[in-house]
């Protein structure tokens, strides 16, 4: 789930977003005014810092941004946005009719802002100048990259010329080329974290189509892999089935079980776990609780039909079954084609059961490139870098059948929608082009023992690598948070999903 973006730019973005928000309350107006004041104060501190360095031109550029903000936003848009009598004015009509058409981009910013908050918290915990300098050296490039992504989102929102877009473009140039990001970090304080939090809250609060974000976010059921939850509006993890109760159930339940698979026997060498069938049974138990909470079956059915069911299963059926011949006979009994058919047959049965119990929006997540994991590279790759093709080929067979299953269910269940997420393709792109995503190590776990840090997975009390954001893998099998962030963003929006992405599914 973290990095940091320029606090100055973050505050500005908050101002831009709520400037175009429909029907704000008086308390929100007070927040807006306070943020304008705080942002102005921050800009003045940066201007003073630059003047002290002798950078007069840089100081003047920041002062100009402050002046533009005051003239273009505070005077023009604040009065317009909160005055009923001014709705006919040209500028307000522009904001009201145009600016929110691309508002899903703002949901993408929520994930970025969460990364910023975590990164800012990390920086604030560093209590020495040398430590801060080291942290800055390791993370600034990534921070700048996140900043660029944020401004790209904003420019998709504010597409027409005007004061808002002019300020966005000016600040973007100053951040990317003028060092505003670096200076903001230097003069920043604990207040910046609070400002970022307010920004995120207001994006969600003022979306004109709440059913896309928070109405769905309170009802997302999950089985297996968590995908794009932040982009759907989650502030925190949803509760696991073992502890979910009462009203907490209505904001989602996580049914995942470590080492579990589609097949009942998968992962049995590792101990107790709950198979796909068992997870679906737990969901059926939850449905009865939803009926009790909402009062009747019709209300429960309507509620569940709006939920998103994220299902990511299959990896363990290969790692902890088919490709583990010392424990399982499956690879001797079945060809990869036959094994995939068996998995899809059981997958079909459980999807049908979910459908029968109210599920209507499904995200089926394919299997990644198991043959590229540190564990398999350590055991089966001669050079420790070349992926194990026989494993990846088997994964592709399963994925192709899973995608075909999506077509089958969409054809036969017209009142439901199923989508497939091509995690295999996303992961392949990361491995092939790691530098595009900020990675430098693709074949070794950040924490582990033995060749590729993959022969034994990360042990308790073991010290992990220091630069985990540069690693694709956290341990022998699992991606790092940074890699998962890439998977989540591309699953949420883009061509890696079929026949639509999660963002589009949420809008149905």
Protein backbone atom coordinates (compact mmCIF):
# COMPACT_ATOMS: atom_id res chain seq x y z
CA UNK A 1 0.00 0.00 0.00
CA UNK A 2 4.01 4.11 0.21
CA UNK A 3 5.74 6.97 -0.79
CA UNK A 4 5.48 10.69 -0.50
CA UNK A 5 4.48 13.39 -2.87
CA UNK A 6 5.19 17.10 -2.55
CA UNK A 7 3.17 18.38 0.39
CA UNK A 8 2.80 21.79 -1.29
CA UNK A 9 1.30 20.22 -4.39
CA UNK A 10 -0.92 18.01 -2.26
CA UNK A 11 -2.50 20.96 -0.53
CA UNK A 12 -3.03 22.71 -3.85
CA UNK A 13 -4.73 19.64 -5.29
CA UNK A 14 -7.09 19.55 -2.33
CA UNK A 15 -8.03 23.15 -3.01
CA UNK A 16 -8.66 22.41 -6.68
CA UNK A 17 -10.81 19.39 -5.93
CA UNK A 18 -13.10 21.00 -3.41
CA UNK A 19 -13.32 24.14 -5.49
CA UNK A 20 -15.30 22.08 -8.00
CA UNK A 21 -17.27 20.07 -5.47
CA UNK A 22 -21.04 20.30 -5.68
CA UNK A 23 -23.18 21.49 -2.75
CA UNK A 24 -20.52 21.81 0.00
CA UNK A 25 -21.48 22.36 3.61
CA UNK A 26 -20.50 25.26 5.88
CA UNK A 27 -18.06 23.04 7.77
CA UNK A 28 -16.42 22.09 4.50
CA UNK A 29 -16.17 25.74 3.57
CA UNK A 30 -14.34 26.36 6.85
CA UNK A 31 -11.97 23.49 6.04
CA UNK A 32 -11.42 24.96 2.63
CA UNK A 33 -10.60 28.40 4.07
CA UNK A 34 -8.20 26.93 6.60
CA UNK A 35 -6.42 24.97 3.89
CA UNK A 36 -6.06 28.04 1.72
CA UNK A 37 -4.44 29.79 4.66
CA UNK A 38 -2.15 26.85 5.43
CA UNK A 39 -1.12 26.47 1.84
CA UNK A 40 -0.39 30.16 1.55
CA UNK A 41 1.74 29.96 4.69
CA UNK A 42 3.66 26.99 3.29
CA UNK A 43 4.35 28.79 0.02
CA UNK A 44 5.63 31.82 1.91
CA UNK A 45 8.01 29.63 3.88
CA UNK A 46 9.36 28.14 0.66
CA UNK A 47 9.71 31.63 -0.83
CA UNK A 48 11.67 32.77 2.25
CA UNK A 49 13.86 29.67 2.12
CA UNK A 50 14.78 30.36 -1.48
CA UNK A 51 15.42 34.04 -0.78
CA UNK A 52 17.80 33.09 2.03
CA UNK A 53 19.71 30.92 -0.42
CA UNK A 54 19.95 33.81 -2.83
CA UNK A 55 17.53 32.19 -5.30
CA UNK A 56 15.50 35.34 -5.89
CA UNK A 57 13.95 34.16 -9.15
CA UNK A 58 12.84 30.89 -7.52
CA UNK A 59 11.38 32.81 -4.61
CA UNK A 60 9.45 35.06 -6.98
CA UNK A 61 8.04 32.07 -8.86
CA UNK A 62 6.57 30.65 -5.66
CA UNK A 63 5.13 34.04 -4.74
CA UNK A 64 3.52 34.17 -8.18
CA UNK A 65 1.88 30.79 -7.55
CA UNK A 66 0.48 32.12 -4.30
CA UNK A 67 -0.88 35.18 -6.06
CA UNK A 68 -2.47 33.09 -8.80
CA UNK A 69 -4.05 30.88 -6.21
CA UNK A 70 -5.53 33.83 -4.36
CA UNK A 71 -6.81 35.55 -7.51
CA UNK A 72 -7.87 32.51 -9.52
CA UNK A 73 -9.29 30.27 -6.83
CA UNK A 74 -10.08 32.10 -3.63
CA UNK A 75 -11.70 35.12 -5.28
CA UNK A 76 -13.19 33.44 -8.32
CA UNK A 77 -14.20 29.93 -7.28
CA UNK A 78 -14.83 30.11 -3.54
CA UNK A 79 -17.48 32.77 -3.95
CA UNK A 80 -18.94 31.00 -6.96
CA UNK A 81 -19.00 27.54 -5.43
CA UNK A 82 -20.74 28.62 -2.25
CA UNK A 83 -23.08 31.29 -3.61
CA UNK A 84 -26.38 30.04 -4.97
CA UNK A 85 -26.91 33.23 -6.91
CA UNK A 86 -23.69 32.79 -8.89
CA UNK A 87 -24.36 29.42 -10.46
CA UNK A 88 -25.00 31.06 -13.81
CA UNK A 89 -21.57 32.62 -13.97
CA UNK A 90 -19.40 31.26 -16.69
CA UNK A 91 -16.59 30.04 -14.46
CA UNK A 92 -18.86 28.15 -12.11
CA UNK A 93 -20.71 26.55 -15.00
CA UNK A 94 -17.37 25.39 -16.33
CA UNK A 95 -16.44 23.85 -13.00
CA UNK A 96 -19.86 22.33 -12.41
CA UNK A 97 -20.40 20.89 -15.88
CA UNK A 98 -16.88 19.94 -16.95
CA UNK A 99 -14.52 19.32 -14.08
CA UNK A 100 -16.10 16.22 -12.61
CA UNK A 101 -16.55 14.28 -15.84
CA UNK A 102 -13.20 12.60 -15.30
CA UNK A 103 -13.67 12.28 -11.54
CA UNK A 104 -12.67 8.55 -11.47
CA UNK A 105 -9.10 9.87 -11.85
CA UNK A 106 -9.54 11.34 -8.38
CA UNK A 107 -10.16 7.87 -6.99
CA UNK A 108 -6.77 6.90 -8.36
CA UNK A 109 -5.32 9.82 -6.42
CA UNK A 110 -6.63 8.28 -3.20
CA UNK A 111 -4.15 5.43 -3.52
CA UNK A 112 -1.36 7.87 -4.27
CA UNK A 113 -2.26 9.91 -1.20
CA UNK A 114 -2.18 6.85 1.01
CA UNK A 115 1.32 6.20 -0.26
CA UNK A 116 2.25 9.77 0.55
CA UNK A 117 0.94 9.53 4.08
CA UNK A 118 2.89 6.39 4.80
CA UNK A 119 6.04 7.81 3.32
CA UNK A 120 5.64 11.06 5.22
CA UNK A 121 5.16 9.09 8.44
CA UNK A 122 8.34 7.18 7.64
CA UNK A 123 10.29 10.39 7.08
CA UNK A 124 8.96 11.92 10.29
CA UNK A 125 10.28 8.95 12.28
CA UNK A 126 13.84 9.69 11.13
CA UNK A 127 15.33 11.82 13.91
CA UNK A 128 18.81 12.64 12.62
CA UNK A 129 19.96 14.91 9.82
CA UNK A 130 22.15 12.15 8.40
CA UNK A 131 19.26 9.73 8.52
CA UNK A 132 16.97 12.18 6.75
CA UNK A 133 19.61 12.78 4.10
CA UNK A 134 19.95 9.04 3.53
CA UNK A 135 16.19 8.56 3.40
CA UNK A 136 15.85 11.44 0.97
CA UNK A 137 18.57 10.05 -1.29
CA UNK A 138 16.85 6.66 -1.42
CA UNK A 139 13.29 7.90 -1.90
CA UNK A 140 13.28 11.24 -3.71
CA UNK A 141 13.18 9.75 -7.20
CA UNK A 142 10.16 7.69 -6.30
CA UNK A 143 8.46 10.67 -4.64
CA UNK A 144 8.96 12.72 -7.77
CA UNK A 145 7.53 9.91 -9.90
CA UNK A 146 4.40 9.77 -7.77
CA UNK A 147 4.10 13.56 -8.06
CA UNK A 148 4.14 13.39 -11.83
CA UNK A 149 1.45 10.73 -11.79
CA UNK A 150 -0.74 12.87 -9.56
CA UNK A 151 -0.48 15.91 -11.82
CA UNK A 152 -1.23 13.74 -14.85
CA UNK A 153 -4.46 12.70 -13.14
CA UNK A 154 -5.39 16.30 -12.38
CA UNK A 155 -4.79 17.47 -15.90
CA UNK A 156 -7.20 14.76 -17.06
CA UNK A 157 -9.77 16.20 -14.68
CA UNK A 158 -9.25 19.88 -15.51
CA UNK A 159 -9.18 19.61 -19.27
CA UNK A 160 -10.42 23.05 -20.30
CA UNK A 161 -8.42 26.25 -20.08
CA UNK A 162 -9.04 28.44 -17.04
CA UNK A 163 -7.63 29.52 -13.71
CA UNK A 164 -7.68 26.04 -12.22
CA UNK A 165 -5.80 24.35 -15.04
CA UNK A 166 -3.34 27.24 -15.18
CA UNK A 167 -2.45 26.81 -11.52
CA UNK A 168 -2.12 23.03 -11.93
CA UNK A 169 0.23 23.44 -14.87
CA UNK A 170 2.27 26.11 -13.09
CA UNK A 171 2.74 24.03 -9.96
CA UNK A 172 3.52 20.92 -12.00
CA UNK A 173 6.34 22.72 -13.79
CA UNK A 174 7.68 24.10 -10.53
CA UNK A 175 7.59 20.67 -8.89
CA UNK A 176 9.16 18.78 -11.77
CA UNK A 177 11.67 21.37 -12.94
CA UNK A 178 11.98 23.98 -10.21
CA UNK A 179 12.60 21.89 -7.11
CA UNK A 180 9.37 22.87 -5.32
CA UNK A 181 8.95 19.30 -4.13
CA UNK A 182 12.37 19.27 -2.48
CA UNK A 183 11.78 22.63 -0.82
CA UNK A 184 8.34 21.63 0.43
CA UNK A 185 9.86 18.60 2.10
CA UNK A 186 12.54 20.75 3.68
CA UNK A 187 10.13 23.24 5.26
CA UNK A 188 7.35 20.69 5.87
CA UNK A 189 5.99 19.75 9.32
CA UNK A 190 3.66 17.26 10.97
CA UNK A 191 0.72 19.32 9.71
CA UNK A 192 1.38 18.07 6.19
CA UNK A 193 0.22 14.58 7.05
CA UNK A 194 -3.06 15.98 8.29
CA UNK A 195 -3.49 18.01 5.13
CA UNK A 196 -2.98 14.94 2.98
CA UNK A 197 -5.54 13.05 5.04
CA UNK A 198 -8.08 15.84 4.60
CA UNK A 199 -7.43 15.84 0.87
CA UNK A 200 -8.16 12.14 0.61
CA UNK A 201 -11.30 12.45 2.72
CA UNK A 202 -12.64 15.30 0.64
CA UNK A 203 -12.05 13.50 -2.64
CA UNK A 204 -14.29 10.72 -1.40
CA UNK A 205 -16.76 13.06 0.31
CA UNK A 206 -17.33 15.26 -2.70
CA UNK A 207 -17.48 12.74 -5.48
CA UNK A 208 -20.73 13.42 -7.33
CA UNK A 209 -21.31 9.68 -7.78
CA UNK A 210 -20.86 8.12 -4.35
CA UNK A 211 -22.06 4.72 -5.48
CA UNK A 212 -18.76 4.30 -7.28
CA UNK A 213 -16.67 4.77 -4.18
CA UNK A 214 -18.06 4.55 -0.70
CA UNK A 215 -21.44 2.92 -1.28
CA UNK A 216 -19.59 0.05 -2.92
CA UNK A 217 -16.73 0.14 -0.52
CA UNK A 218 -18.96 -0.73 2.39
CA UNK A 219 -20.00 -3.94 0.71
CA UNK A 220 -17.02 -5.45 -1.05
CA UNK A 221 -16.66 -9.14 -0.30
CA UNK A 222 -13.24 -10.66 -0.91
CA UNK A 223 -11.97 -14.18 -1.44
CA UNK A 224 -8.22 -14.44 -1.89
CA UNK A 225 -6.23 -11.55 -3.28
CA UNK A 226 -7.09 -7.99 -2.24
CA UNK A 227 -7.24 -5.85 -5.38
CA UNK A 228 -7.48 -2.09 -5.71
CA UNK A 229 -9.28 -1.66 -2.39
CA UNK A 230 -7.87 1.79 -1.80
CA UNK A 231 -8.98 2.94 -5.21
CA UNK A 232 -12.49 1.77 -4.40
CA UNK A 233 -12.53 4.03 -1.36
CA UNK A 234 -11.29 1.86 1.52
CA UNK A 235 -9.48 3.62 4.35
CA UNK A 236 -8.44 0.37 5.99
CA UNK A 237 -8.40 -3.38 5.53
CA UNK A 238 -11.75 -5.13 5.64
CA UNK A 239 -12.26 -7.55 8.52
CA UNK A 240 -11.41 -11.24 8.22
CA UNK A 241 -14.28 -13.68 8.43
CA UNK A 242 -13.05 -14.98 11.79
CA UNK A 243 -13.64 -11.62 13.50
CA UNK A 244 -16.26 -9.84 11.35
CA UNK A 245 -19.54 -9.30 13.18
CA UNK A 246 -22.50 -6.93 13.44
CA UNK A 247 -22.55 -3.84 11.25
CA UNK A 248 -18.87 -4.38 10.42
CA UNK A 249 -19.99 -7.12 8.03
CA UNK A 250 -21.66 -4.52 5.81
CA UNK A 251 -18.34 -2.92 4.90
CA UNK A 252 -16.92 -6.18 3.59
CA UNK A 253 -15.46 -9.50 4.71
CA UNK A 254 -12.16 -11.12 3.78
CA UNK A 255 -12.49 -14.90 3.44
CA UNK A 256 -8.90 -15.62 2.35
CA UNK A 257 -6.95 -18.48 3.90
CA UNK A 258 -3.18 -18.92 3.64
CA UNK A 259 -2.01 -21.89 1.54
CA UNK A 260 -5.58 -22.67 0.43
CA UNK A 261 -6.48 -23.56 -3.11
CA UNK A 262 -9.27 -24.47 -5.44
CA UNK A 263 -8.72 -28.16 -4.69
CA UNK A 264 -9.54 -29.49 -1.23
CA UNK A 265 -6.16 -31.18 -0.70
CA UNK A 266 -4.01 -28.24 -1.83
CA UNK A 267 -1.66 -27.01 0.89
CA UNK A 268 -2.42 -29.83 3.31
CA UNK A 269 1.30 -30.34 4.03
CA UNK A 270 1.28 -26.88 5.64
CA UNK A 271 -1.55 -27.58 8.06
CA UNK A 272 -5.05 -26.24 8.52
CA UNK A 273 -6.50 -23.99 5.83
CA UNK A 274 -9.89 -23.20 4.27
CA UNK A 275 -10.33 -24.25 0.66
CA UNK A 276 -12.31 -22.33 -1.95
CA UNK A 277 -15.36 -24.45 -1.13
CA UNK A 278 -14.98 -23.70 2.57
CA UNK A 279 -14.61 -19.98 1.90
CA UNK A 280 -17.81 -19.99 -0.13
CA UNK A 281 -19.58 -21.80 2.69
CA UNK A 282 -18.40 -19.08 5.08
CA UNK A 283 -19.79 -16.49 2.68
CA UNK A 284 -23.15 -18.27 2.71
CA UNK A 285 -23.12 -17.97 6.50
CA UNK A 286 -22.42 -14.26 6.14
CA UNK A 287 -25.40 -13.83 3.78
CA UNK A 288 -27.73 -15.05 6.53
CA UNK A 289 -26.28 -12.40 8.85
CA UNK A 290 -26.79 -9.73 6.17
CA UNK A 291 -30.45 -10.74 5.90
CA UNK A 292 -30.81 -10.31 9.66
CA UNK A 293 -29.04 -6.95 9.63
CA UNK A 294 -31.10 -5.53 6.73
CA UNK A 295 -34.40 -7.03 7.75
CA UNK A 296 -35.42 -9.17 4.79
CA UNK A 297 -34.08 -11.19 1.88
CA UNK A 298 -35.01 -8.63 -0.78
CA UNK A 299 -32.99 -5.90 0.92
CA UNK A 300 -30.07 -8.28 1.36
CA UNK A 301 -30.21 -9.36 -2.29
CA UNK A 302 -30.21 -5.74 -3.46
CA UNK A 303 -27.27 -4.95 -1.20
CA UNK A 304 -25.20 -7.96 -2.23
CA UNK A 305 -25.80 -7.29 -5.91
CA UNK A 306 -23.86 -4.04 -5.55
CA UNK A 307 -20.85 -5.67 -3.91
CA UNK A 308 -17.64 -6.60 -5.71
CA UNK A 309 -16.34 -10.13 -5.20
CA UNK A 310 -12.59 -10.34 -5.72
CA UNK A 311 -11.38 -13.90 -6.18
CA UNK A 312 -7.72 -14.78 -6.53
CA UNK A 313 -7.13 -18.52 -6.32
CA UNK A 314 -5.05 -21.08 -8.20
CA UNK A 315 -1.45 -20.28 -7.35
CA UNK A 316 -1.35 -22.72 -4.46
CA UNK A 317 -2.85 -25.44 -6.62
CA UNK A 318 0.41 -25.29 -8.55
CA UNK A 319 2.94 -24.31 -5.87
CA UNK A 320 1.52 -26.49 -3.11
CA UNK A 321 0.11 -29.33 -5.18
CA UNK A 322 0.89 -29.91 -8.86
CA UNK A 323 4.56 -28.91 -8.73
CA UNK A 324 5.23 -30.62 -5.39
CA UNK A 325 5.60 -34.30 -6.46
CA UNK A 326 7.05 -35.42 -3.11
CA UNK A 327 3.72 -34.66 -1.44
CA UNK A 328 1.17 -34.92 -4.26
CA UNK A 329 0.64 -37.33 -7.16
CA UNK A 330 -1.31 -34.83 -9.28
CA UNK A 331 1.52 -34.11 -11.74
CA UNK A 332 1.87 -37.85 -12.39
CA UNK A 333 -1.88 -38.35 -12.81
CA UNK A 334 -2.72 -35.35 -14.99
CA UNK A 335 -1.17 -33.36 -17.79
CA UNK A 336 -1.10 -29.57 -17.31
CA UNK A 337 -4.15 -29.34 -19.59
CA UNK A 338 -6.09 -31.93 -17.59
CA UNK A 339 -5.10 -30.32 -14.29
CA UNK A 340 -6.31 -26.92 -15.44
CA UNK A 341 -9.61 -28.50 -16.52
CA UNK A 342 -10.08 -29.98 -13.04
CA UNK A 343 -9.39 -26.63 -11.41
CA UNK A 344 -11.81 -24.79 -13.70
CA UNK A 345 -14.54 -27.37 -13.05
CA UNK A 346 -14.36 -26.73 -9.31
CA UNK A 347 -14.00 -22.99 -9.89
CA UNK A 348 -17.22 -23.09 -11.91
CA UNK A 349 -19.11 -24.87 -9.14
CA UNK A 350 -18.08 -22.33 -6.51
CA UNK A 351 -18.82 -19.33 -8.73
CA UNK A 352 -22.29 -20.74 -9.34
CA UNK A 353 -22.79 -21.07 -5.60
CA UNK A 354 -21.74 -17.46 -5.05
CA UNK A 355 -24.15 -16.37 -7.75
CA UNK A 356 -26.96 -18.36 -6.15
CA UNK A 357 -26.31 -16.48 -2.92
CA UNK A 358 -26.53 -13.01 -4.38
CA UNK A 359 -23.15 -12.22 -5.90
CA UNK A 360 -23.39 -10.26 -9.16
CA UNK A 361 -20.08 -8.44 -9.67
CA UNK A 362 -17.06 -10.72 -9.94
CA UNK A 363 -13.34 -9.99 -10.35
CA UNK A 364 -11.49 -13.20 -11.26
CA UNK A 365 -7.76 -12.79 -10.82
CA UNK A 366 -5.47 -14.94 -12.91
CA UNK A 367 -2.36 -16.74 -11.71
CA UNK A 368 0.97 -14.91 -11.92
CA UNK A 369 4.30 -16.17 -13.22
CA UNK A 370 5.08 -18.75 -10.56
CA UNK A 371 8.17 -19.83 -12.48
CA UNK A 372 9.73 -16.41 -11.86
CA UNK A 373 9.44 -16.49 -8.06
CA UNK A 374 12.69 -16.60 -6.02
CA UNK A 375 11.77 -20.03 -4.70
CA UNK A 376 11.44 -21.59 -8.15
CA UNK A 377 14.48 -19.71 -9.47
CA UNK A 378 16.51 -21.02 -6.54
CA UNK A 379 15.44 -24.62 -7.13
CA UNK A 380 14.99 -24.92 -10.88
CA UNK A 381 16.80 -22.09 -12.71
CA UNK A 382 20.44 -22.81 -13.69
CA UNK A 383 21.47 -19.15 -13.56
CA UNK A 384 19.03 -18.02 -10.88
CA UNK A 385 17.52 -15.47 -13.27
CA UNK A 386 15.82 -17.35 -16.11
CA UNK A 387 12.20 -18.13 -15.28
CA UNK A 388 11.07 -21.77 -15.19
CA UNK A 389 9.06 -22.05 -18.39
CA UNK A 390 7.28 -25.35 -17.72
CA UNK A 391 5.64 -23.76 -14.67
CA UNK A 392 4.73 -20.56 -16.43
CA UNK A 393 3.30 -22.52 -19.37
CA UNK A 394 1.05 -24.45 -17.01
CA UNK A 395 -0.09 -21.16 -15.45
CA UNK A 396 -0.94 -19.78 -18.89
CA UNK A 397 -3.11 -22.81 -19.65
CA UNK A 398 -5.10 -22.18 -16.48
CA UNK A 399 -5.40 -18.45 -17.19
CA UNK A 400 -6.68 -19.01 -20.71
CA UNK A 401 -9.38 -21.31 -19.37
CA UNK A 402 -10.28 -18.82 -16.62
CA UNK A 403 -10.69 -16.05 -19.19
CA UNK A 404 -12.92 -18.35 -21.26
CA UNK A 405 -14.94 -19.01 -18.10
CA UNK A 406 -15.57 -15.27 -17.83
CA UNK A 407 -17.09 -15.31 -21.32
CA UNK A 408 -19.20 -18.32 -20.43
CA UNK A 409 -20.63 -16.79 -17.27
CA UNK A 410 -21.25 -13.40 -18.89
CA UNK A 411 -23.22 -15.16 -21.61
CA UNK A 412 -25.25 -17.37 -19.27
CA UNK A 413 -25.74 -14.94 -16.35
CA UNK A 414 -26.97 -11.77 -18.04
CA UNK A 415 -27.82 -10.07 -14.75
CA UNK A 416 -24.24 -10.44 -13.50
CA UNK A 417 -20.86 -9.24 -14.72
CA UNK A 418 -17.60 -11.18 -14.57
CA UNK A 419 -14.18 -9.73 -15.38
CA UNK A 420 -10.73 -11.31 -15.67
CA UNK A 421 -7.53 -9.66 -14.44
CA UNK A 422 -4.40 -10.60 -16.39
CA UNK A 423 -1.96 -10.64 -13.49
CA UNK A 424 0.36 -12.87 -15.54
CA UNK A 425 0.76 -10.16 -18.19
CA UNK A 426 1.20 -7.37 -15.62
CA UNK A 427 3.86 -9.36 -13.82
CA UNK A 428 5.61 -10.20 -17.07
CA UNK A 429 5.82 -6.49 -17.86
CA UNK A 430 7.30 -5.74 -14.43
CA UNK A 431 9.94 -8.45 -14.82
CA UNK A 432 10.78 -7.38 -18.38
CA UNK A 433 10.82 -3.61 -17.71
CA UNK A 434 11.61 -3.23 -14.00
CA UNK A 435 13.17 0.23 -14.26
CA UNK A 436 9.88 1.67 -15.51
CA UNK A 437 8.41 0.87 -12.11
CA UNK A 438 11.42 1.75 -9.95
CA UNK A 439 12.64 -1.83 -9.41
CA UNK A 440 16.25 -2.97 -9.59
CA UNK A 441 15.98 -6.52 -8.18
CA UNK A 442 13.58 -8.96 -9.83
CA UNK A 443 14.95 -12.42 -8.98
CA UNK A 444 15.72 -12.25 -5.26
CA UNK A 445 13.53 -11.87 -2.22
CA UNK A 446 13.99 -8.89 0.06
CA UNK A 447 13.87 -11.30 3.00
CA UNK A 448 14.76 -14.99 2.93
CA UNK A 449 17.49 -17.59 3.20
CA UNK A 450 19.66 -19.36 0.64
CA UNK A 451 20.01 -18.91 -3.10
CA UNK A 452 17.93 -15.96 -4.36
CA UNK A 453 16.74 -15.57 -0.74
CA UNK A 454 14.23 -18.13 -1.91
CA UNK A 455 15.15 -21.55 -0.53
CA UNK A 456 13.66 -20.70 2.86
CA UNK A 457 11.14 -17.90 3.17
CA UNK A 458 11.54 -14.93 5.52
CA UNK A 459 12.08 -16.05 9.12
CA UNK A 460 10.85 -14.39 12.32
CA UNK A 461 13.23 -11.67 13.53
CA UNK A 462 15.19 -11.81 10.28
CA UNK A 463 16.44 -8.44 9.03
CA UNK A 464 15.06 -7.68 5.54
CA UNK A 465 16.76 -5.66 2.82
CA UNK A 466 17.00 -1.90 3.37
CA UNK A 467 15.63 -0.82 -0.02
CA UNK A 468 12.51 -2.98 -0.25
CA UNK A 469 10.84 -0.64 -2.75
CA UNK A 470 13.43 -1.67 -5.31
CA UNK A 471 12.55 -5.38 -4.96
CA UNK A 472 9.77 -7.10 -6.87
CA UNK A 473 9.59 -9.93 -4.31
CA UNK A 474 9.31 -9.60 -0.56
CA UNK A 475 10.14 -13.25 0.17
CA UNK A 476 10.40 -16.54 -1.66
CA UNK A 477 6.91 -16.29 -3.12
CA UNK A 478 5.13 -13.01 -2.45
CA UNK A 479 5.47 -9.63 -4.20
CA UNK A 480 6.50 -6.57 -2.23
CA UNK A 481 4.10 -3.80 -1.36
CA UNK A 482 5.57 -1.76 -4.21
CA UNK A 483 4.91 -4.55 -6.72
CA UNK A 484 1.42 -5.10 -5.36
CA UNK A 485 0.73 -1.39 -5.79
CA UNK A 486 1.51 -1.71 -9.51
CA UNK A 487 -0.74 -4.76 -9.78
CA UNK A 488 -3.53 -2.96 -7.96
CA UNK A 489 -3.40 0.20 -10.06
CA UNK A 490 -3.31 -1.66 -13.35
CA UNK A 491 -6.12 -3.96 -12.24
CA UNK A 492 -8.26 -0.99 -11.29
CA UNK A 493 -7.93 0.86 -14.56
CA UNK A 494 -6.56 -0.15 -17.94
CA UNK A 495 -6.35 -2.81 -20.61
CA UNK A 496 -5.10 -5.58 -18.28
CA UNK A 497 -8.69 -6.51 -17.45
CA UNK A 498 -11.29 -8.22 -19.66
CA UNK A 499 -13.90 -7.30 -20.81
CA UNK A 500 -13.72 -4.20 -18.56
CA UNK A 501 -11.64 -2.98 -15.64
CA UNK A 502 -12.56 -2.77 -11.96
CA UNK A 503 -13.23 0.95 -12.18
CA UNK A 504 -15.84 0.35 -14.88
CA UNK A 505 -17.31 -2.61 -12.99
CA UNK A 506 -17.78 -0.39 -9.93
CA UNK A 507 -19.78 2.09 -11.97
CA UNK A 508 -22.35 -0.46 -13.15
